[in-house]
Amino acid sequence: MAVNVNKEVWEGWTVGAIYKDVKPIADMIQRGESWKKPFESCKDIADWIKNDRPNFKKGANDVAKLLAKDYGLPAKAKEYER
């Protein structure tokens, strides 16, 4: 199922806007340029977003799916939905 990047998740923030906001930081983590170890799963990404950006918890799973695809990680929805 495709991710709706236009879905509003918090006060005007869409899934696509959150993706663009967290992507540079996530890229640094994946390149090993952070104290945080690189993501190993879609769940790792979703958990990071939920902890780092608590206002975006509602859209974290959708953003995690997009980032997981970028990094070639498996995006198993059942693995991380809560």
C-alpha atoms as a PDB file:
ATOM      1  CA  MET A   1       0.000   0.000   0.000  1.00  0.00           C
ATOM      2  CA  ALA A   2       1.370   3.387  -0.977  1.00  0.00           C
ATOM      3  CA  VAL A   3       1.962   6.087   1.626  1.00  0.00           C
ATOM      4  CA  ASN A   4      -0.186   9.202   1.294  1.00  0.00           C
ATOM      5  CA  VAL A   5       2.362  12.010   1.621  1.00  0.00           C
ATOM      6  CA  ASN A   6      -0.438  14.606   1.640  1.00  0.00           C
ATOM      7  CA  LYS A   7      -2.114  13.201   4.762  1.00  0.00           C
ATOM      8  CA  GLU A   8      -2.166  15.830   7.517  1.00  0.00           C
ATOM      9  CA  VAL A   9      -0.991  14.383  10.813  1.00  0.00           C
ATOM     10  CA  TRP A  10      -0.512  17.376  13.091  1.00  0.00           C
ATOM     11  CA  GLU A  11      -1.460  21.069  12.805  1.00  0.00           C
ATOM     12  CA  GLY A  12      -0.809  21.427   9.084  1.00  0.00           C
ATOM     13  CA  TRP A  13       2.140  19.020   9.013  1.00  0.00           C
ATOM     14  CA  THR A  14       1.776  16.346   6.349  1.00  0.00           C
ATOM     15  CA  VAL A  15       3.581  13.030   6.076  1.00  0.00           C
ATOM     16  CA  GLY A  16       5.596  14.510   3.189  1.00  0.00           C
ATOM     17  CA  ALA A  17       6.568  17.603   5.175  1.00  0.00           C
ATOM     18  CA  ILE A  18       7.694  15.507   8.149  1.00  0.00           C
ATOM     19  CA  TYR A  19       9.684  13.285   5.774  1.00  0.00           C
ATOM     20  CA  LYS A  20      11.489  16.326   4.351  1.00  0.00           C
ATOM     21  CA  ASP A  21      12.132  17.650   7.858  1.00  0.00           C
ATOM     22  CA  VAL A  22      13.676  14.466   9.298  1.00  0.00           C
ATOM     23  CA  LYS A  23      15.380  13.131   6.143  1.00  0.00           C
ATOM     24  CA  PRO A  24      18.678  15.076   6.520  1.00  0.00           C
ATOM     25  CA  ILE A  25      19.087  13.909  10.114  1.00  0.00           C
ATOM     26  CA  ALA A  26      18.130  10.335   9.241  1.00  0.00           C
ATOM     27  CA  ASP A  27      20.676  10.404   6.394  1.00  0.00           C
ATOM     28  CA  MET A  28      23.407  11.460   8.840  1.00  0.00           C
ATOM     29  CA  ILE A  29      22.467   8.608  11.161  1.00  0.00           C
ATOM     30  CA  GLN A  30      22.563   6.100   8.290  1.00  0.00           C
ATOM     31  CA  ARG A  31      25.987   7.351   7.177  1.00  0.00           C
ATOM     32  CA  GLY A  32      27.365   6.861  10.690  1.00  0.00           C
ATOM     33  CA  GLU A  33      27.788  10.593  11.303  1.00  0.00           C
ATOM     34  CA  SER A  34      25.838  10.535  14.569  1.00  0.00           C
ATOM     35  CA  TRP A  35      26.143   9.130  18.061  1.00  0.00           C
ATOM     36  CA  LYS A  36      23.080   7.007  17.205  1.00  0.00           C
ATOM     37  CA  LYS A  37      23.781   3.735  15.460  1.00  0.00           C
ATOM     38  CA  PRO A  38      22.344   3.363  11.934  1.00  0.00           C
ATOM     39  CA  PHE A  39      18.791   2.094  11.565  1.00  0.00           C
ATOM     40  CA  GLU A  40      18.397  -1.639  11.056  1.00  0.00           C
ATOM     41  CA  SER A  41      14.648  -1.781  10.533  1.00  0.00           C
ATOM     42  CA  CYS A  42      11.564   0.254   9.834  1.00  0.00           C
ATOM     43  CA  LYS A  43      10.675  -0.121  13.520  1.00  0.00           C
ATOM     44  CA  ASP A  44      13.967   1.556  14.500  1.00  0.00           C
ATOM     45  CA  ILE A  45      13.089   4.536  12.316  1.00  0.00           C
ATOM     46  CA  ALA A  46       9.517   4.790  13.632  1.00  0.00           C
ATOM     47  CA  ASP A  47      10.729   4.608  17.241  1.00  0.00           C
ATOM     48  CA  TRP A  48      13.356   7.290  16.567  1.00  0.00           C
ATOM     49  CA  ILE A  49      10.755   9.645  15.055  1.00  0.00           C
ATOM     50  CA  LYS A  50       8.343   9.059  17.953  1.00  0.00           C
ATOM     51  CA  ASN A  51      11.083   9.828  20.494  1.00  0.00           C
ATOM     52  CA  ASP A  52      12.762  12.669  18.612  1.00  0.00           C
ATOM     53  CA  ARG A  53       9.588  14.389  17.380  1.00  0.00           C
ATOM     54  CA  PRO A  54       6.751  13.531  19.819  1.00  0.00           C
ATOM     55  CA  ASN A  55       4.280  15.799  17.988  1.00  0.00           C
ATOM     56  CA  PHE A  56       4.631  13.608  14.896  1.00  0.00           C
ATOM     57  CA  LYS A  57       3.814  10.262  16.555  1.00  0.00           C
ATOM     58  CA  LYS A  58       0.669   9.922  14.445  1.00  0.00           C
ATOM     59  CA  GLY A  59       2.642  10.079  11.187  1.00  0.00           C
ATOM     60  CA  ALA A  60       5.783   8.271  12.336  1.00  0.00           C
ATOM     61  CA  ASN A  61       4.910   4.905  10.800  1.00  0.00           C
ATOM     62  CA  ASP A  62       4.199   6.391   7.368  1.00  0.00           C
ATOM     63  CA  VAL A  63       7.392   8.441   7.404  1.00  0.00           C
ATOM     64  CA  ALA A  64       9.325   5.384   8.588  1.00  0.00           C
ATOM     65  CA  LYS A  65       8.028   3.404   5.597  1.00  0.00           C
ATOM     66  CA  LEU A  66       9.328   6.080   3.215  1.00  0.00           C
ATOM     67  CA  LEU A  67      12.733   6.251   4.887  1.00  0.00           C
ATOM     68  CA  ALA A  68      13.013   2.454   5.090  1.00  0.00           C
ATOM     69  CA  LYS A  69      12.436   2.304   1.342  1.00  0.00           C
ATOM     70  CA  ASP A  70      15.188   4.910   0.797  1.00  0.00           C
ATOM     71  CA  TYR A  71      17.637   2.839   2.868  1.00  0.00           C
ATOM     72  CA  GLY A  72      16.640  -0.564   1.482  1.00  0.00           C
ATOM     73  CA  LEU A  73      15.269  -1.746   4.817  1.00  0.00           C
ATOM     74  CA  PRO A  74      12.252  -4.037   5.065  1.00  0.00           C
ATOM     75  CA  ALA A  75       9.038  -2.144   5.773  1.00  0.00           C
ATOM     76  CA  LYS A  76       6.836  -4.688   7.490  1.00  0.00           C
ATOM     77  CA  ALA A  77       3.858  -2.742   8.813  1.00  0.00           C
ATOM     78  CA  LYS A  78       2.862  -5.347  11.399  1.00  0.00           C
ATOM     79  CA  GLU A  79       6.375  -5.216  12.845  1.00  0.00           C
ATOM     80  CA  TYR A  80       6.067  -1.710  14.249  1.00  0.00           C
ATOM     81  CA  GLU A  81       2.410  -0.602  14.362  1.00  0.00           C
ATOM     82  CA  ARG A  82       1.120   0.081  17.843  1.00  0.00           C
END
